[in-house]
Amino acid sequence: MSPALAGAELVRTPVQLYRYLLRCCKLLPTAAMQKHYQHAIRQSYNSHADEDDAERIQMIIQRAISDADWILNKVTFFGTSENTSSHCLHFF
């Protein structure tokens, strides 16, 4: 499965991940979904701001990109779904 948005392979830092995920939000079909995920991304970013373990940070980045791909593929292939919000907990 390819990344939802070009540039995922270039994400190396938490700030790059944050910006990548916010760009992914622009691909969501409704403004409500976009706002929901933007808020979840900000909350997750802030809650992990003190993370200093490089290995853990890379694991979080990989998981967040994978989760973003899953959400965007679900919305693309199955239409909008109210049940996608549980997946946003793994963005960071």
C-alpha atoms as a PDB file:
ATOM      1  CA  MET A   1       0.000   0.000   0.000  1.00  0.00           C
ATOM      2  CA  SER A   2       1.472   3.363  -0.983  1.00  0.00           C
ATOM      3  CA  PRO A   3       1.373   6.399   1.285  1.00  0.00           C
ATOM      4  CA  ALA A   4      -1.725   8.554   1.101  1.00  0.00           C
ATOM      5  CA  LEU A   5       0.272  11.658   0.312  1.00  0.00           C
ATOM      6  CA  ALA A   6       3.607  12.007  -1.436  1.00  0.00           C
ATOM      7  CA  GLY A   7       6.469  12.749   0.906  1.00  0.00           C
ATOM      8  CA  ALA A   8       5.779  10.202   3.643  1.00  0.00           C
ATOM      9  CA  GLU A   9       9.167   8.613   3.032  1.00  0.00           C
ATOM     10  CA  LEU A  10      10.840  11.963   3.818  1.00  0.00           C
ATOM     11  CA  VAL A  11       9.277  12.328   7.279  1.00  0.00           C
ATOM     12  CA  ARG A  12      12.071  12.019   9.857  1.00  0.00           C
ATOM     13  CA  THR A  13      11.174  14.413  12.694  1.00  0.00           C
ATOM     14  CA  PRO A  14       8.054  15.036  14.796  1.00  0.00           C
ATOM     15  CA  VAL A  15       7.582  18.473  13.202  1.00  0.00           C
ATOM     16  CA  GLN A  16       7.747  16.950   9.710  1.00  0.00           C
ATOM     17  CA  LEU A  17       5.220  14.331  10.799  1.00  0.00           C
ATOM     18  CA  TYR A  18       2.927  16.998  12.218  1.00  0.00           C
ATOM     19  CA  ARG A  19       2.986  18.960   8.959  1.00  0.00           C
ATOM     20  CA  TYR A  20       2.540  15.798   6.859  1.00  0.00           C
ATOM     21  CA  LEU A  21      -0.508  14.732   8.885  1.00  0.00           C
ATOM     22  CA  LEU A  22      -2.087  18.177   8.643  1.00  0.00           C
ATOM     23  CA  ARG A  23      -1.633  18.006   4.852  1.00  0.00           C
ATOM     24  CA  CYS A  24      -3.323  14.597   4.888  1.00  0.00           C
ATOM     25  CA  CYS A  25      -6.308  16.169   6.640  1.00  0.00           C
ATOM     26  CA  LYS A  26      -6.896  18.332   3.581  1.00  0.00           C
ATOM     27  CA  LEU A  27      -7.696  15.130   1.654  1.00  0.00           C
ATOM     28  CA  LEU A  28     -10.628  14.247   3.921  1.00  0.00           C
ATOM     29  CA  PRO A  29     -14.028  14.802   2.319  1.00  0.00           C
ATOM     30  CA  THR A  30     -15.785  17.003   4.892  1.00  0.00           C
ATOM     31  CA  ALA A  31     -14.784  20.038   6.911  1.00  0.00           C
ATOM     32  CA  ALA A  32     -16.009  18.325  10.081  1.00  0.00           C
ATOM     33  CA  MET A  33     -13.702  15.363   9.526  1.00  0.00           C
ATOM     34  CA  GLN A  34     -10.813  17.666   8.717  1.00  0.00           C
ATOM     35  CA  LYS A  35     -11.311  19.650  11.938  1.00  0.00           C
ATOM     36  CA  HIS A  36     -11.702  16.478  13.998  1.00  0.00           C
ATOM     37  CA  TYR A  37      -8.422  14.998  12.816  1.00  0.00           C
ATOM     38  CA  GLN A  38      -6.558  18.316  12.931  1.00  0.00           C
ATOM     39  CA  HIS A  39      -7.551  18.619  16.584  1.00  0.00           C
ATOM     40  CA  ALA A  40      -6.552  15.006  17.313  1.00  0.00           C
ATOM     41  CA  ILE A  41      -3.173  15.532  15.630  1.00  0.00           C
ATOM     42  CA  ARG A  42      -2.494  18.696  17.642  1.00  0.00           C
ATOM     43  CA  GLN A  43      -3.470  16.983  20.898  1.00  0.00           C
ATOM     44  CA  SER A  44      -1.273  13.971  20.168  1.00  0.00           C
ATOM     45  CA  TYR A  45       1.652  16.152  19.136  1.00  0.00           C
ATOM     46  CA  ASN A  46       1.425  18.139  22.364  1.00  0.00           C
ATOM     47  CA  SER A  47       1.091  15.037  24.524  1.00  0.00           C
ATOM     48  CA  HIS A  48       4.278  13.535  23.039  1.00  0.00           C
ATOM     49  CA  ALA A  49       6.297  16.769  22.891  1.00  0.00           C
ATOM     50  CA  ASP A  50       8.610  15.590  25.675  1.00  0.00           C
ATOM     51  CA  GLU A  51       9.498  12.280  23.978  1.00  0.00           C
ATOM     52  CA  ASP A  52      13.285  12.048  23.622  1.00  0.00           C
ATOM     53  CA  ASP A  53      13.899   8.385  22.738  1.00  0.00           C
ATOM     54  CA  ALA A  54      14.904   8.389  19.045  1.00  0.00           C
ATOM     55  CA  GLU A  55      13.781   4.793  18.504  1.00  0.00           C
ATOM     56  CA  ARG A  56      10.372   5.485  20.046  1.00  0.00           C
ATOM     57  CA  ILE A  57       9.994   8.637  17.939  1.00  0.00           C
ATOM     58  CA  GLN A  58      10.664   6.671  14.730  1.00  0.00           C
ATOM     59  CA  MET A  59       8.161   4.013  15.813  1.00  0.00           C
ATOM     60  CA  ILE A  60       5.536   6.718  16.435  1.00  0.00           C
ATOM     61  CA  ILE A  61       6.255   8.291  13.028  1.00  0.00           C
ATOM     62  CA  GLN A  62       5.867   4.963  11.205  1.00  0.00           C
ATOM     63  CA  ARG A  63       2.647   4.138  13.046  1.00  0.00           C
ATOM     64  CA  ALA A  64       1.157   7.593  12.465  1.00  0.00           C
ATOM     65  CA  ILE A  65       1.834   7.447   8.717  1.00  0.00           C
ATOM     66  CA  SER A  66       0.356   3.955   8.563  1.00  0.00           C
ATOM     67  CA  ASP A  67      -2.747   5.093  10.460  1.00  0.00           C
ATOM     68  CA  ALA A  68      -3.169   8.139   8.215  1.00  0.00           C
ATOM     69  CA  ASP A  69      -2.974   5.882   5.152  1.00  0.00           C
ATOM     70  CA  TRP A  70      -5.569   3.543   6.666  1.00  0.00           C
ATOM     71  CA  ILE A  71      -7.986   6.372   7.425  1.00  0.00           C
ATOM     72  CA  LEU A  72      -7.637   7.988   4.006  1.00  0.00           C
ATOM     73  CA  ASN A  73      -8.001   4.636   2.234  1.00  0.00           C
ATOM     74  CA  LYS A  74     -11.075   3.815   4.295  1.00  0.00           C
ATOM     75  CA  VAL A  75     -12.676   7.148   3.449  1.00  0.00           C
ATOM     76  CA  THR A  76     -11.726   6.799  -0.223  1.00  0.00           C
ATOM     77  CA  PHE A  77     -12.925   3.224  -0.697  1.00  0.00           C
ATOM     78  CA  PHE A  78     -15.855   3.065   1.707  1.00  0.00           C
ATOM     79  CA  GLY A  79     -17.075   6.648   1.816  1.00  0.00           C
ATOM     80  CA  THR A  80     -17.211   8.690   4.983  1.00  0.00           C
ATOM     81  CA  SER A  81     -17.463   6.689   8.157  1.00  0.00           C
ATOM     82  CA  GLU A  82     -18.248   7.802  11.681  1.00  0.00           C
ATOM     83  CA  ASN A  83     -16.110   4.960  13.050  1.00  0.00           C
ATOM     84  CA  THR A  84     -12.738   6.320  11.926  1.00  0.00           C
ATOM     85  CA  SER A  85     -12.231   8.459  15.040  1.00  0.00           C
ATOM     86  CA  SER A  86     -10.935   5.560  17.133  1.00  0.00           C
ATOM     87  CA  HIS A  87      -7.921   5.285  14.832  1.00  0.00           C
ATOM     88  CA  CYS A  88      -6.750   8.850  15.449  1.00  0.00           C
ATOM     89  CA  LEU A  89      -5.440   7.899  18.894  1.00  0.00           C
ATOM     90  CA  HIS A  90      -2.383   6.399  17.218  1.00  0.00           C
ATOM     91  CA  PHE A  91      -1.353   9.461  15.212  1.00  0.00           C
ATOM     92  CA  PHE A  92       1.449  10.214  17.670  1.00  0.00           C
END
